[in-house]
């Protein structure tokens, strides 16, 4: 009977560990997703900034050619 009690405790302990691990994994996945979204936003912002610089350069070049 004693072995059954120990086995039952071990099973419960393992279930708790699995639940804790899942919570930990979920939290890490949320953080990774958030970081990916931030990096994507920065990349899009950087791209938009580069496009503005290119447009401004074209305007300056065109205006310079007219003078």
PDB file of N, CA and C in Angstrom:
ATOM      1  N   UNK A   1       0.824  -1.201   0.000  1.00  0.00           N
ATOM      2  CA  UNK A   1       0.000   0.000   0.000  1.00  0.00           C
ATOM      3  C   UNK A   1       0.860   1.253   0.000  1.00  0.00           C
ATOM      4  N   UNK A   2       1.993   1.168   0.687  1.00  0.00           N
ATOM      5  CA  UNK A   2       2.881   2.322   0.790  1.00  0.00           C
ATOM      6  C   UNK A   2       3.413   2.741  -0.582  1.00  0.00           C
ATOM      7  N   UNK A   3       3.736   1.732  -1.412  1.00  0.00           N
ATOM      8  CA  UNK A   3       4.229   2.026  -2.752  1.00  0.00           C
ATOM      9  C   UNK A   3       3.174   2.758  -3.571  1.00  0.00           C
ATOM     10  N   UNK A   4       1.916   2.399  -3.406  1.00  0.00           N
ATOM     11  CA  UNK A   4       0.831   3.042  -4.133  1.00  0.00           C
ATOM     12  C   UNK A   4       0.699   4.503  -3.740  1.00  0.00           C
ATOM     13  N   UNK A   5       0.874   4.800  -2.467  1.00  0.00           N
ATOM     14  CA  UNK A   5       0.789   6.182  -1.992  1.00  0.00           C
ATOM     15  C   UNK A   5       1.947   6.995  -2.569  1.00  0.00           C
ATOM     16  N   UNK A   6       3.147   6.442  -2.544  1.00  0.00           N
ATOM     17  CA  UNK A   6       4.316   7.131  -3.096  1.00  0.00           C
ATOM     18  C   UNK A   6       4.147   7.354  -4.598  1.00  0.00           C
ATOM     19  N   UNK A   7       3.625   6.341  -5.257  1.00  0.00           N
ATOM     20  CA  UNK A   7       3.404   6.451  -6.701  1.00  0.00           C
ATOM     21  C   UNK A   7       2.352   7.508  -6.996  1.00  0.00           C
ATOM     22  N   UNK A   8       1.311   7.560  -6.229  1.00  0.00           N
ATOM     23  CA  UNK A   8       0.266   8.567  -6.411  1.00  0.00           C
ATOM     24  C   UNK A   8       0.837   9.969  -6.195  1.00  0.00           C
ATOM     25  N   UNK A   9       1.675  10.122  -5.178  1.00  0.00           N
ATOM     26  CA  UNK A   9       2.308  11.428  -4.929  1.00  0.00           C
ATOM     27  C   UNK A   9       3.224  11.815  -6.084  1.00  0.00           C
ATOM     28  N   UNK A  10       3.982  10.842  -6.560  1.00  0.00           N
ATOM     29  CA  UNK A  10       4.887  11.105  -7.683  1.00  0.00           C
ATOM     30  C   UNK A  10       4.105  11.529  -8.926  1.00  0.00           C
ATOM     31  N   UNK A  11       3.001  10.864  -9.183  1.00  0.00           N
ATOM     32  CA  UNK A  11       2.158  11.208 -10.336  1.00  0.00           C
ATOM     33  C   UNK A  11       1.610  12.622 -10.185  1.00  0.00           C
ATOM     34  N   UNK A  12       1.113  12.957  -9.009  1.00  0.00           N
ATOM     35  CA  UNK A  12       0.586  14.307  -8.766  1.00  0.00           C
ATOM     36  C   UNK A  12       1.684  15.361  -8.909  1.00  0.00           C
ATOM     37  N   UNK A  13       2.842  15.039  -8.383  1.00  0.00           N
ATOM     38  CA  UNK A  13       3.974  15.964  -8.481  1.00  0.00           C
ATOM     39  C   UNK A  13       4.351  16.191  -9.946  1.00  0.00           C
ATOM     40  N   UNK A  14       4.356  15.127 -10.723  1.00  0.00           N
ATOM     41  CA  UNK A  14       4.675  15.234 -12.149  1.00  0.00           C
ATOM     42  C   UNK A  14       3.635  16.065 -12.890  1.00  0.00           C
ATOM     43  N   UNK A  15       2.372  15.891 -12.535  1.00  0.00           N
ATOM     44  CA  UNK A  15       1.304  16.685 -13.154  1.00  0.00           C
ATOM     45  C   UNK A  15       1.502  18.173 -12.851  1.00  0.00           C
ATOM     46  N   UNK A  16       1.840  18.462 -11.599  1.00  0.00           N
ATOM     47  CA  UNK A  16       2.091  19.854 -11.225  1.00  0.00           C
ATOM     48  C   UNK A  16       3.278  20.419 -11.997  1.00  0.00           C
ATOM     49  N   UNK A  17       4.325  19.635 -12.117  1.00  0.00           N
ATOM     50  CA  UNK A  17       5.505  20.082 -12.861  1.00  0.00           C
ATOM     51  C   UNK A  17       5.181  20.334 -14.328  1.00  0.00           C
ATOM     52  N   UNK A  18       4.371  19.457 -14.907  1.00  0.00           N
ATOM     53  CA  UNK A  18       3.968  19.633 -16.306  1.00  0.00           C
ATOM     54  C   UNK A  18       3.172  20.924 -16.461  1.00  0.00           C
ATOM     55  N   UNK A  19       2.251  21.170 -15.544  1.00  0.00           N
ATOM     56  CA  UNK A  19       1.455  22.400 -15.597  1.00  0.00           C
ATOM     57  C   UNK A  19       2.338  23.636 -15.455  1.00  0.00           C
ATOM     58  N   UNK A  20       3.276  23.576 -14.514  1.00  0.00           N
ATOM     59  CA  UNK A  20       4.192  24.704 -14.328  1.00  0.00           C
ATOM     60  C   UNK A  20       5.062  24.925 -15.558  1.00  0.00           C
ATOM     61  N   UNK A  21       5.534  23.834 -16.138  1.00  0.00           N
ATOM     62  CA  UNK A  21       6.347  23.952 -17.342  1.00  0.00           C
ATOM     63  C   UNK A  21       5.555  24.551 -18.496  1.00  0.00           C
ATOM     64  N   UNK A  22       4.296  24.160 -18.608  1.00  0.00           N
ATOM     65  CA  UNK A  22       3.447  24.695 -19.676  1.00  0.00           C
ATOM     66  C   UNK A  22       3.226  26.191 -19.495  1.00  0.00           C
ATOM     67  N   UNK A  23       2.988  26.613 -18.245  1.00  0.00           N
ATOM     68  CA  UNK A  23       2.821  28.045 -17.971  1.00  0.00           C
ATOM     69  C   UNK A  23       4.085  28.804 -18.336  1.00  0.00           C
ATOM     70  N   UNK A  24       5.227  28.239 -17.973  1.00  0.00           N
ATOM     71  CA  UNK A  24       6.520  28.858 -18.278  1.00  0.00           C
ATOM     72  C   UNK A  24       6.723  28.949 -19.792  1.00  0.00           C
ATOM     73  N   UNK A  25       6.420  27.867 -20.488  1.00  0.00           N
ATOM     74  CA  UNK A  25       6.553  27.836 -21.949  1.00  0.00           C
ATOM     75  C   UNK A  25       5.632  28.865 -22.601  1.00  0.00           C
ATOM     76  N   UNK A  26       4.390  28.941 -22.128  1.00  0.00           N
ATOM     77  CA  UNK A  26       3.440  29.911 -22.674  1.00  0.00           C
ATOM     78  C   UNK A  26       3.949  31.338 -22.483  1.00  0.00           C
ATOM     79  N   UNK A  27       4.504  31.599 -21.316  1.00  0.00           N
ATOM     80  CA  UNK A  27       5.009  32.948 -21.028  1.00  0.00           C
ATOM     81  C   UNK A  27       6.182  33.299 -21.941  1.00  0.00           C
ATOM     82  N   UNK A  28       7.071  32.360 -22.140  1.00  0.00           N
ATOM     83  CA  UNK A  28       8.210  32.588 -23.037  1.00  0.00           C
ATOM     84  C   UNK A  28       7.714  32.829 -24.457  1.00  0.00           C
ATOM     85  N   UNK A  29       6.750  32.046 -24.910  1.00  0.00           N
ATOM     86  CA  UNK A  29       6.213  32.220 -26.262  1.00  0.00           C
ATOM     87  C   UNK A  29       5.575  33.600 -26.423  1.00  0.00           C
ATOM     88  N   UNK A  30       4.887  34.073 -25.390  1.00  0.00           N
ATOM     89  CA  UNK A  30       4.298  35.419 -25.437  1.00  0.00           C
ATOM     90  C   UNK A  30       5.387  36.478 -25.577  1.00  0.00           C
ATOM     91  N   UNK A  31       6.457  36.326 -24.801  1.00  0.00           N
ATOM     92  CA  UNK A  31       7.556  37.298 -24.849  1.00  0.00           C
ATOM     93  C   UNK A  31       8.242  37.273 -26.215  1.00  0.00           C
ATOM     94  N   UNK A  32       8.446  36.080 -26.757  1.00  0.00           N
ATOM     95  CA  UNK A  32       9.076  35.952 -28.074  1.00  0.00           C
ATOM     96  C   UNK A  32       8.197  36.608 -29.135  1.00  0.00           C
ATOM     97  N   UNK A  33       6.902  36.354 -29.081  1.00  0.00           N
ATOM     98  CA  UNK A  33       5.972  36.939 -30.049  1.00  0.00           C
ATOM     99  C   UNK A  33       5.977  38.470 -29.949  1.00  0.00           C
ATOM    100  N   UNK A  34       5.957  38.969 -28.733  1.00  0.00           N
ATOM    101  CA  UNK A  34       5.974  40.424 -28.521  1.00  0.00           C
ATOM    102  C   UNK A  34       7.260  41.025 -29.092  1.00  0.00           C
ATOM    103  N   UNK A  35       8.384  40.361 -28.853  1.00  0.00           N
ATOM    104  CA  UNK A  35       9.671  40.853 -29.355  1.00  0.00           C
ATOM    105  C   UNK A  35       9.696  40.816 -30.883  1.00  0.00           C
ATOM    106  N   UNK A  36       9.153  39.756 -31.468  1.00  0.00           N
ATOM    107  CA  UNK A  36       9.092  39.662 -32.931  1.00  0.00           C
ATOM    108  C   UNK A  36       8.261  40.792 -33.512  1.00  0.00           C
ATOM    109  N   UNK A  37       7.138  41.112 -32.867  1.00  0.00           N
ATOM    110  CA  UNK A  37       6.285  42.199 -33.344  1.00  0.00           C
ATOM    111  C   UNK A  37       7.011  43.542 -33.237  1.00  0.00           C
ATOM    112  N   UNK A  38       7.741  43.757 -32.139  1.00  0.00           N
ATOM    113  CA  UNK A  38       8.502  44.996 -31.973  1.00  0.00           C
ATOM    114  C   UNK A  38       9.566  45.121 -33.058  1.00  0.00           C
ATOM    115  N   UNK A  39      10.264  44.024 -33.329  1.00  0.00           N
ATOM    116  CA  UNK A  39      11.319  44.048 -34.350  1.00  0.00           C
ATOM    117  C   UNK A  39      10.726  44.300 -35.735  1.00  0.00           C
ATOM    118  N   UNK A  40       9.571  43.702 -36.014  1.00  0.00           N
ATOM    119  CA  UNK A  40       8.916  43.908 -37.301  1.00  0.00           C
ATOM    120  C   UNK A  40       8.492  45.368 -37.443  1.00  0.00           C
ATOM    121  N   UNK A  41       7.954  45.936 -36.350  1.00  0.00           N
ATOM    122  CA  UNK A  41       7.559  47.342 -36.371  1.00  0.00           C
ATOM    123  C   UNK A  41       8.762  48.239 -36.650  1.00  0.00           C
ATOM    124  N   UNK A  42       9.867  47.961 -35.962  1.00  0.00           N
ATOM    125  CA  UNK A  42      11.087  48.763 -36.175  1.00  0.00           C
ATOM    126  C   UNK A  42      11.563  48.655 -37.605  1.00  0.00           C
ATOM    127  N   UNK A  43      11.498  47.438 -38.153  1.00  0.00           N
ATOM    128  CA  UNK A  43      11.943  47.232 -39.529  1.00  0.00           C
ATOM    129  C   UNK A  43      11.074  48.032 -40.503  1.00  0.00           C
ATOM    130  N   UNK A  44       9.754  47.986 -40.301  1.00  0.00           N
ATOM    131  CA  UNK A  44       8.842  48.728 -41.180  1.00  0.00           C
ATOM    132  C   UNK A  44       9.065  50.234 -41.033  1.00  0.00           C
ATOM    133  N   UNK A  45       9.293  50.693 -39.800  1.00  0.00           N
ATOM    134  CA  UNK A  45       9.548  52.114 -39.553  1.00  0.00           C
ATOM    135  C   UNK A  45      10.849  52.528 -40.235  1.00  0.00           C
ATOM    136  N   UNK A  46      11.856  51.668 -40.131  1.00  0.00           N
ATOM    137  CA  UNK A  46      13.147  51.958 -40.765  1.00  0.00           C
ATOM    138  C   UNK A  46      12.989  52.015 -42.283  1.00  0.00           C
ATOM    139  N   UNK A  47      12.235  51.059 -42.837  1.00  0.00           N
ATOM    140  CA  UNK A  47      11.996  51.052 -44.283  1.00  0.00           C
ATOM    141  C   UNK A  47      11.298  52.334 -44.716  1.00  0.00           C
ATOM    142  N   UNK A  48      10.290  52.739 -43.969  1.00  0.00           N
ATOM    143  CA  UNK A  48       9.549  53.955 -44.316  1.00  0.00           C
ATOM    144  C   UNK A  48      10.482  55.160 -44.248  1.00  0.00           C
ATOM    145  N   UNK A  49      11.359  55.205 -43.254  1.00  0.00           N
ATOM    146  CA  UNK A  49      12.327  56.296 -43.127  1.00  0.00           C
ATOM    147  C   UNK A  49      13.279  56.323 -44.303  1.00  0.00           C
ATOM    148  N   UNK A  50      13.737  55.153 -44.745  1.00  0.00           N
ATOM    149  CA  UNK A  50      14.650  55.086 -45.891  1.00  0.00           C
ATOM    150  C   UNK A  50      13.950  55.559 -47.160  1.00  0.00           C
ATOM    151  N   UNK A  51      12.687  55.225 -47.315  1.00  0.00           N
ATOM    152  CA  UNK A  51      11.944  55.665 -48.492  1.00  0.00           C
ATOM    153  C   UNK A  51      11.817  57.187 -48.491  1.00  0.00           C
ATOM    154  N   UNK A  52      11.596  57.779 -47.318  1.00  0.00           N
ATOM    155  CA  UNK A  52      11.500  59.235 -47.226  1.00  0.00           C
ATOM    156  C   UNK A  52      12.826  59.889 -47.594  1.00  0.00           C
ATOM    157  N   UNK A  53      13.919  59.297 -47.144  1.00  0.00           N
ATOM    158  CA  UNK A  53      15.240  59.846 -47.474  1.00  0.00           C
ATOM    159  C   UNK A  53      15.467  59.783 -48.973  1.00  0.00           C
ATOM    160  N   UNK A  54      15.096  58.670 -49.596  1.00  0.00           N
ATOM    161  CA  UNK A  54      15.264  58.530 -51.050  1.00  0.00           C
ATOM    162  C   UNK A  54      14.417  59.572 -51.773  1.00  0.00           C
ATOM    163  N   UNK A  55      13.175  59.757 -51.358  1.00  0.00           N
ATOM    164  CA  UNK A  55      12.296  60.744 -51.996  1.00  0.00           C
ATOM    165  C   UNK A  55      12.871  62.148 -51.852  1.00  0.00           C
ATOM    166  N   UNK A  56      13.356  62.480 -50.663  1.00  0.00           N
ATOM    167  CA  UNK A  56      13.927  63.810 -50.437  1.00  0.00           C
ATOM    168  C   UNK A  56      15.166  64.001 -51.310  1.00  0.00           C
ATOM    169  N   UNK A  57      15.977  62.967 -51.444  1.00  0.00           N
ATOM    170  CA  UNK A  57      17.167  63.063 -52.280  1.00  0.00           C
ATOM    171  C   UNK A  57      16.791  63.323 -53.728  1.00  0.00           C
ATOM    172  N   UNK A  58      15.755  62.665 -54.196  1.00  0.00           N
ATOM    173  CA  UNK A  58      15.308  62.862 -55.571  1.00  0.00           C
ATOM    174  C   UNK A  58      14.824  64.290 -55.778  1.00  0.00           C
ATOM    175  N   UNK A  59      14.108  64.825 -54.810  1.00  0.00           N
ATOM    176  CA  UNK A  59      13.608  66.193 -54.922  1.00  0.00           C
ATOM    177  C   UNK A  59      14.767  67.171 -54.946  1.00  0.00           C
ATOM    178  N   UNK A  60      15.725  66.977 -54.063  1.00  0.00           N
ATOM    179  CA  UNK A  60      16.891  67.876 -54.007  1.00  0.00           C
ATOM    180  C   UNK A  60      17.671  67.797 -55.309  1.00  0.00           C
ATOM    181  N   UNK A  61      17.858  66.591 -55.827  1.00  0.00           N
ATOM    182  CA  UNK A  61      18.594  66.414 -57.073  1.00  0.00           C
ATOM    183  C   UNK A  61      17.854  67.092 -58.225  1.00  0.00           C
ATOM    184  N   UNK A  62      16.559  66.894 -58.281  1.00  0.00           N
ATOM    185  CA  UNK A  62      15.755  67.501 -59.351  1.00  0.00           C
ATOM    186  C   UNK A  62      15.787  69.019 -59.249  1.00  0.00           C
ATOM    187  N   UNK A  63      15.619  69.548 -58.048  1.00  0.00           N
ATOM    188  CA  UNK A  63      15.647  70.986 -57.858  1.00  0.00           C
ATOM    189  C   UNK A  63      17.024  71.560 -58.194  1.00  0.00           C
ATOM    190  N   UNK A  64      18.067  70.831 -57.840  1.00  0.00           N
ATOM    191  CA  UNK A  64      19.422  71.277 -58.141  1.00  0.00           C
ATOM    192  C   UNK A  64      19.664  71.346 -59.635  1.00  0.00           C
ATOM    193  N   UNK A  65      19.066  70.430 -60.366  1.00  0.00           N
ATOM    194  CA  UNK A  65      19.236  70.405 -61.820  1.00  0.00           C
ATOM    195  C   UNK A  65      18.509  71.547 -62.499  1.00  0.00           C
ATOM    196  N   UNK A  66      17.477  72.086 -61.864  1.00  0.00           N
ATOM    197  CA  UNK A  66      16.704  73.173 -62.449  1.00  0.00           C
ATOM    198  C   UNK A  66      17.376  74.529 -62.258  1.00  0.00           C
ATOM    199  N   UNK A  67      18.236  74.660 -61.278  1.00  0.00           N
ATOM    200  CA  UNK A  67      18.823  75.957 -60.980  1.00  0.00           C
ATOM    201  C   UNK A  67      19.802  76.426 -62.014  1.00  0.00           C
TER     202      UNK A  67
END
